[in-house]
Every structure is written in structure tokens, then in C-alpha cells.
């Protein structure tokens, strides 16, 4: 008699978590670096489906390269955090969230980049991103994915909001 083994609940959580994050990360990769100034009730076109209406960030080529490296580091960090959550390495996930996405990273970026080169609304989006990361780091120790995933989603929403509004200059 052949026995069919039931998939473990942990594998199911891994699949759902991994699939959701991969989908959202795919959107981030496809949209590039992005001032949210939406007006209530205003319909906004989706930049993937229409022409690119994102505002360029006025950075020198060297500063643009550095900024792109920071954005890619954020993306890689998100992937490592997801993996840490899947592996139930909550302390690692919390530490990465705090040091690579939270206000610690904001202070590092302010010290190494020229904040005056960034539009004020971009700074507001960055602050929202760092605040969402801090909230995520605060909730990770609960080890409860029903609490963690909504906060993780808020971090991803902050990333997407910025990438939909801004891009690096391509000159």
C-alpha cells in the first residue's frame, strides 16, 4: 500500500510566505527607484502599463550609483529577512530589519549621501519606509506570522510607493 505524506504546516507557511514576497519583490524590481503627491480621488495610471511618469532624483552619476547600491541592498535584505522568518530565526530577522531598513540605515544614508539633492517628498517616503521597518522589527519577537506579515507588507508598501514616484536619472 502506498502512503501519501501530508505536507507539514511549516512547509505550507513557507510556500505562502515565499510566494507572496516573491510577487511583491517582482513588482519592486520592475518599477525602479521612485514623491507621493496624490490628490484625493485622483486616478493615477500604473507606470508599468503606461509611459514612465516617475520623477527623476537629481543626483550626480556617482551619487546615483551609490543610491542604486543602497536600493539593491534593501531588496537583498528583504529576501534575507523572509528567509530568516521561514527558518524561524526571529532574532536575525529583527536585527536585519533594524540595521538595514530602520532608522539606523537612514542615519547612515544621511551621513554618506547629500540629503539636499533629494526632493522633500522623497525624504517623507524614506521616513515612512524606515518607520514601517521599525514597526516590523518591534513585532518580529512575537514570532506570530499573523502579526508579522501585515507589518512586513507595510514595509513593502513603503518601498513600492517610493519606486512608483521616483527613478534615478538615466543620463
C-alpha atoms as a PDB file:
ATOM      1  CA  UNK A   1       0.000   0.000   0.000  1.00  0.00           C
ATOM      2  CA  UNK A   2       1.372   3.401  -0.959  1.00  0.00           C
ATOM      3  CA  UNK A   3       1.243   6.154   1.634  1.00  0.00           C
ATOM      4  CA  UNK A   4       0.903   9.779   0.683  1.00  0.00           C
ATOM      5  CA  UNK A   5       2.502  12.006   3.248  1.00  0.00           C
ATOM      6  CA  UNK A   6       0.802  15.199   4.284  1.00  0.00           C
ATOM      7  CA  UNK A   7       2.876  18.351   3.744  1.00  0.00           C
ATOM      8  CA  UNK A   8       3.865  19.901   7.034  1.00  0.00           C
ATOM      9  CA  UNK A   9       2.233  23.120   8.134  1.00  0.00           C
ATOM     10  CA  UNK A  10       5.646  24.778   8.232  1.00  0.00           C
ATOM     11  CA  UNK A  11       6.229  23.948   4.561  1.00  0.00           C
ATOM     12  CA  UNK A  12       2.809  25.429   3.763  1.00  0.00           C
ATOM     13  CA  UNK A  13       3.674  28.639   5.601  1.00  0.00           C
ATOM     14  CA  UNK A  14       6.982  28.745   3.770  1.00  0.00           C
ATOM     15  CA  UNK A  15       5.276  28.406   0.410  1.00  0.00           C
ATOM     16  CA  UNK A  16       2.679  31.094   1.085  1.00  0.00           C
ATOM     17  CA  UNK A  17       5.184  33.498   2.604  1.00  0.00           C
ATOM     18  CA  UNK A  18       7.746  32.882  -0.112  1.00  0.00           C
ATOM     19  CA  UNK A  19       5.212  33.207  -2.938  1.00  0.00           C
ATOM     20  CA  UNK A  20       3.733  36.427  -1.601  1.00  0.00           C
ATOM     21  CA  UNK A  21       7.103  38.035  -1.077  1.00  0.00           C
ATOM     22  CA  UNK A  22       8.455  36.942  -4.446  1.00  0.00           C
ATOM     23  CA  UNK A  23       5.446  38.503  -6.162  1.00  0.00           C
ATOM     24  CA  UNK A  24       5.865  41.798  -4.350  1.00  0.00           C
ATOM     25  CA  UNK A  25       9.628  41.816  -4.892  1.00  0.00           C
ATOM     26  CA  UNK A  26       8.988  41.245  -8.595  1.00  0.00           C
ATOM     27  CA  UNK A  27       6.913  44.434  -8.673  1.00  0.00           C
ATOM     28  CA  UNK A  28       9.727  46.300  -6.922  1.00  0.00           C
ATOM     29  CA  UNK A  29      12.301  45.056  -9.415  1.00  0.00           C
ATOM     30  CA  UNK A  30      10.162  46.022 -12.373  1.00  0.00           C
ATOM     31  CA  UNK A  31       9.417  49.579 -11.249  1.00  0.00           C
ATOM     32  CA  UNK A  32      12.843  51.004 -10.389  1.00  0.00           C
ATOM     33  CA  UNK A  33      13.712  53.761  -7.884  1.00  0.00           C
ATOM     34  CA  UNK A  34      10.514  56.268  -7.236  1.00  0.00           C
ATOM     35  CA  UNK A  35       7.176  61.823  -4.268  1.00  0.00           C
ATOM     36  CA  UNK A  36       3.836  60.779  -3.441  1.00  0.00           C
ATOM     37  CA  UNK A  37       1.676  63.784  -4.036  1.00  0.00           C
ATOM     38  CA  UNK A  38      -1.625  62.132  -4.891  1.00  0.00           C
ATOM     39  CA  UNK A  39      -4.774  64.136  -4.563  1.00  0.00           C
ATOM     40  CA  UNK A  40      -7.889  62.599  -3.119  1.00  0.00           C
ATOM     41  CA  UNK A  41      -9.962  60.938  -5.800  1.00  0.00           C
ATOM     42  CA  UNK A  42      -7.304  61.397  -8.481  1.00  0.00           C
ATOM     43  CA  UNK A  43      -6.896  58.407 -10.780  1.00  0.00           C
ATOM     44  CA  UNK A  44      -3.280  57.518 -11.315  1.00  0.00           C
ATOM     45  CA  UNK A  45      -2.011  55.467 -14.232  1.00  0.00           C
ATOM     46  CA  UNK A  46       0.098  52.456 -13.493  1.00  0.00           C
ATOM     47  CA  UNK A  47       3.667  53.237 -14.711  1.00  0.00           C
ATOM     48  CA  UNK A  48       4.237  49.664 -15.889  1.00  0.00           C
ATOM     49  CA  UNK A  49       1.261  49.907 -18.225  1.00  0.00           C
ATOM     50  CA  UNK A  50       1.792  53.488 -19.430  1.00  0.00           C
ATOM     51  CA  UNK A  51       4.697  55.818 -20.039  1.00  0.00           C
ATOM     52  CA  UNK A  52       7.141  56.356 -17.207  1.00  0.00           C
ATOM     53  CA  UNK A  53       5.936  59.407 -15.283  1.00  0.00           C
ATOM     54  CA  UNK A  54       8.202  58.974 -12.269  1.00  0.00           C
ATOM     55  CA  UNK A  55      10.246  61.961 -11.177  1.00  0.00           C
ATOM     56  CA  UNK A  56      13.997  61.654 -11.608  1.00  0.00           C
ATOM     57  CA  UNK A  57      16.095  62.197  -8.497  1.00  0.00           C
ATOM     58  CA  UNK A  58      18.702  64.870  -9.373  1.00  0.00           C
ATOM     59  CA  UNK A  59      21.878  63.023  -8.387  1.00  0.00           C
ATOM     60  CA  UNK A  60      25.322  63.035  -9.920  1.00  0.00           C
ATOM     61  CA  UNK A  61      26.273  59.807 -11.703  1.00  0.00           C
ATOM     62  CA  UNK A  62      28.438  58.745  -8.744  1.00  0.00           C
ATOM     63  CA  UNK A  63      25.707  59.524  -6.210  1.00  0.00           C
ATOM     64  CA  UNK A  64      23.166  57.728  -8.411  1.00  0.00           C
ATOM     65  CA  UNK A  65      25.361  54.642  -8.471  1.00  0.00           C
ATOM     66  CA  UNK A  66      25.680  54.763  -4.689  1.00  0.00           C
ATOM     67  CA  UNK A  67      21.931  55.234  -4.256  1.00  0.00           C
ATOM     68  CA  UNK A  68      21.201  52.305  -6.557  1.00  0.00           C
ATOM     69  CA  UNK A  69      23.530  50.154  -4.457  1.00  0.00           C
ATOM     70  CA  UNK A  70      21.561  51.118  -1.325  1.00  0.00           C
ATOM     71  CA  UNK A  71      18.271  50.211  -3.026  1.00  0.00           C
ATOM     72  CA  UNK A  72      19.635  46.850  -4.142  1.00  0.00           C
ATOM     73  CA  UNK A  73      20.900  46.241  -0.604  1.00  0.00           C
ATOM     74  CA  UNK A  74      17.375  46.917   0.688  1.00  0.00           C
ATOM     75  CA  UNK A  75      15.986  44.372  -1.778  1.00  0.00           C
ATOM     76  CA  UNK A  76      18.555  41.759  -0.792  1.00  0.00           C
ATOM     77  CA  UNK A  77      17.857  42.438   2.879  1.00  0.00           C
ATOM     78  CA  UNK A  78      14.133  41.856   2.338  1.00  0.00           C
ATOM     79  CA  UNK A  79      14.919  38.468   0.814  1.00  0.00           C
ATOM     80  CA  UNK A  80      17.200  37.509   3.728  1.00  0.00           C
ATOM     81  CA  UNK A  81      14.554  38.644   6.241  1.00  0.00           C
ATOM     82  CA  UNK A  82      11.955  36.471   4.522  1.00  0.00           C
ATOM     83  CA  UNK A  83      14.324  33.523   4.645  1.00  0.00           C
ATOM     84  CA  UNK A  84      15.038  34.163   8.336  1.00  0.00           C
ATOM     85  CA  UNK A  85      11.298  34.221   9.046  1.00  0.00           C
ATOM     86  CA  UNK A  86      10.803  30.985   7.103  1.00  0.00           C
ATOM     87  CA  UNK A  87      13.632  29.388   9.108  1.00  0.00           C
ATOM     88  CA  UNK A  88      12.136  30.819  12.315  1.00  0.00           C
ATOM     89  CA  UNK A  89      15.326  32.800  13.001  1.00  0.00           C
ATOM     90  CA  UNK A  90      13.444  35.703  14.525  1.00  0.00           C
ATOM     91  CA  UNK A  91      16.414  37.420  16.169  1.00  0.00           C
ATOM     92  CA  UNK A  92      18.244  37.513  12.835  1.00  0.00           C
ATOM     93  CA  UNK A  93      15.145  38.870  11.071  1.00  0.00           C
ATOM     94  CA  UNK A  94      14.719  41.544  13.739  1.00  0.00           C
ATOM     95  CA  UNK A  95      18.381  42.556  13.665  1.00  0.00           C
ATOM     96  CA  UNK A  96      18.475  42.821   9.874  1.00  0.00           C
ATOM     97  CA  UNK A  97      15.272  44.830   9.844  1.00  0.00           C
ATOM     98  CA  UNK A  98      16.599  47.296  12.410  1.00  0.00           C
ATOM     99  CA  UNK A  99      20.093  47.737  10.997  1.00  0.00           C
ATOM    100  CA  UNK A 100      19.436  47.527   7.250  1.00  0.00           C
ATOM    101  CA  UNK A 101      15.967  49.049   6.895  1.00  0.00           C
ATOM    102  CA  UNK A 102      15.220  51.036  10.060  1.00  0.00           C
ATOM    103  CA  UNK A 103      16.315  54.464  11.214  1.00  0.00           C
ATOM    104  CA  UNK A 104      19.903  53.262  11.728  1.00  0.00           C
ATOM    105  CA  UNK A 105      20.171  52.890   7.938  1.00  0.00           C
ATOM    106  CA  UNK A 106      18.535  56.300   7.473  1.00  0.00           C
ATOM    107  CA  UNK A 107      21.212  57.925   9.616  1.00  0.00           C
ATOM    108  CA  UNK A 108      23.919  56.092   7.640  1.00  0.00           C
ATOM    109  CA  UNK A 109      22.434  57.278   4.343  1.00  0.00           C
ATOM    110  CA  UNK A 110      22.186  60.874   5.574  1.00  0.00           C
ATOM    111  CA  UNK A 111      25.863  60.786   6.546  1.00  0.00           C
ATOM    112  CA  UNK A 112      27.082  59.359   3.231  1.00  0.00           C
ATOM    113  CA  UNK A 113      24.688  60.942   0.724  1.00  0.00           C
ATOM    114  CA  UNK A 114      23.725  64.529   0.009  1.00  0.00           C
ATOM    115  CA  UNK A 115      20.223  64.856   1.518  1.00  0.00           C
ATOM    116  CA  UNK A 116      19.741  68.263  -0.113  1.00  0.00           C
ATOM    117  CA  UNK A 117      19.782  66.521  -3.519  1.00  0.00           C
ATOM    118  CA  UNK A 118      16.603  64.612  -2.699  1.00  0.00           C
ATOM    119  CA  UNK A 119      13.152  66.188  -3.031  1.00  0.00           C
ATOM    120  CA  UNK A 120      11.375  66.747   0.317  1.00  0.00           C
ATOM    121  CA  UNK A 121       8.589  64.321  -0.631  1.00  0.00           C
ATOM    122  CA  UNK A 122      11.203  61.637  -1.316  1.00  0.00           C
ATOM    123  CA  UNK A 123      12.534  62.191   2.193  1.00  0.00           C
ATOM    124  CA  UNK A 124       8.984  61.768   3.539  1.00  0.00           C
ATOM    125  CA  UNK A 125       8.664  58.447   1.706  1.00  0.00           C
ATOM    126  CA  UNK A 126      12.033  57.318   3.043  1.00  0.00           C
ATOM    127  CA  UNK A 127      10.960  58.190   6.573  1.00  0.00           C
ATOM    128  CA  UNK A 128       7.735  56.201   6.108  1.00  0.00           C
ATOM    129  CA  UNK A 129       9.811  53.246   4.915  1.00  0.00           C
ATOM    130  CA  UNK A 130      12.136  53.411   7.924  1.00  0.00           C
ATOM    131  CA  UNK A 131       9.185  53.816  10.316  1.00  0.00           C
ATOM    132  CA  UNK A 132       7.482  50.748   8.804  1.00  0.00           C
ATOM    133  CA  UNK A 133      10.724  48.797   9.233  1.00  0.00           C
ATOM    134  CA  UNK A 134      10.937  49.841  12.882  1.00  0.00           C
ATOM    135  CA  UNK A 135       7.347  48.632  13.424  1.00  0.00           C
ATOM    136  CA  UNK A 136       8.232  45.330  11.774  1.00  0.00           C
ATOM    137  CA  UNK A 137      11.309  44.920  13.974  1.00  0.00           C
ATOM    138  CA  UNK A 138       9.151  45.642  17.023  1.00  0.00           C
ATOM    139  CA  UNK A 139       6.615  42.907  16.147  1.00  0.00           C
ATOM    140  CA  UNK A 140       9.012  40.159  14.969  1.00  0.00           C
ATOM    141  CA  UNK A 141       9.760  38.907  18.529  1.00  0.00           C
ATOM    142  CA  UNK A 142       6.109  37.815  18.831  1.00  0.00           C
ATOM    143  CA  UNK A 143       7.008  35.005  16.390  1.00  0.00           C
ATOM    144  CA  UNK A 144       3.412  35.261  15.172  1.00  0.00           C
ATOM    145  CA  UNK A 145       3.215  35.427  11.385  1.00  0.00           C
ATOM    146  CA  UNK A 146      -0.355  36.746  11.579  1.00  0.00           C
ATOM    147  CA  UNK A 147       1.122  39.845  13.241  1.00  0.00           C
ATOM    148  CA  UNK A 148       4.439  39.882  11.382  1.00  0.00           C
ATOM    149  CA  UNK A 149       3.167  39.587   7.807  1.00  0.00           C
ATOM    150  CA  UNK A 150       0.940  42.704   7.873  1.00  0.00           C
ATOM    151  CA  UNK A 151       3.895  44.735   9.178  1.00  0.00           C
ATOM    152  CA  UNK A 152       6.169  43.193   6.547  1.00  0.00           C
ATOM    153  CA  UNK A 153       3.561  44.133   3.959  1.00  0.00           C
ATOM    154  CA  UNK A 154       3.654  47.740   5.229  1.00  0.00           C
ATOM    155  CA  UNK A 155       7.420  47.798   4.614  1.00  0.00           C
ATOM    156  CA  UNK A 156       6.850  46.536   1.077  1.00  0.00           C
ATOM    157  CA  UNK A 157       4.075  49.105   0.513  1.00  0.00           C
ATOM    158  CA  UNK A 158       6.503  51.854   1.540  1.00  0.00           C
ATOM    159  CA  UNK A 159       9.076  50.515  -0.927  1.00  0.00           C
ATOM    160  CA  UNK A 160       6.546  50.329  -3.752  1.00  0.00           C
ATOM    161  CA  UNK A 161       5.176  53.832  -3.048  1.00  0.00           C
ATOM    162  CA  UNK A 162       8.626  55.314  -3.470  1.00  0.00           C
ATOM    163  CA  UNK A 163       9.524  53.284  -6.544  1.00  0.00           C
ATOM    164  CA  UNK A 164       6.263  54.330  -8.217  1.00  0.00           C
ATOM    165  CA  UNK A 165       7.073  58.010  -7.764  1.00  0.00           C
ATOM    166  CA  UNK A 166      10.851  58.298  -8.273  1.00  0.00           C
ATOM    167  CA  UNK A 167      13.591  56.990 -10.501  1.00  0.00           C
ATOM    168  CA  UNK A 168      17.256  57.620 -10.903  1.00  0.00           C
ATOM    169  CA  UNK A 169      18.189  59.908 -13.755  1.00  0.00           C
ATOM    170  CA  UNK A 170      19.323  57.864 -16.748  1.00  0.00           C
ATOM    171  CA  UNK A 171      21.859  60.270 -18.233  1.00  0.00           C
END
